[in-house]
């Protein structure tokens, strides 16, 4: 017997649409702030990725491409444009001289700090709406997915099973 998936409620559609709107608005504001500073959105994101890498990770083209969800050659072109403006430079790795790392130049660091400063102010003033939208999606889904006894244990197992199936389909 095939079990039908539970129907998605109107509240869940509204919550997800609101979240999507808030995320898009946040990203658009970031793009505008970058443009005002003289950067393309992708250039700002590359500078941010370099400066904000998790501790222990090095800013190789491969790592940056992965963090920006770009192809390798697109990341190389982006680095080329930023290097031409003296915002970044390529250097050889200390331990492995074959490795090429991308580092921020002082000029790029100053510009990034200015843009990030504006972004943090924007996020601190408008971030509650984004957090509220995320909470609405989580709460709407949590109420809809509770079992008969209010437990989420079985639901988490089903969610994991579906996530695994999505990855396998890719």
Foldseek 3Di string as FASTA:
>chain_A
DDDDDDDQDPLLVVLVVLLVVVVVVLLVVLQVLQVVLVHGSVLLLLLCCQVVPPPPDFAALVSSCVVSVHDSVVSVVSLVVCVVVQQWDWAADPVHRVTIGIGGDPVNVVSSVVSVVVSVVVCVVPVVSNVVSVVSNVVSVLVSQADPVRDCVVVVVVVVVVVVVVVVVD
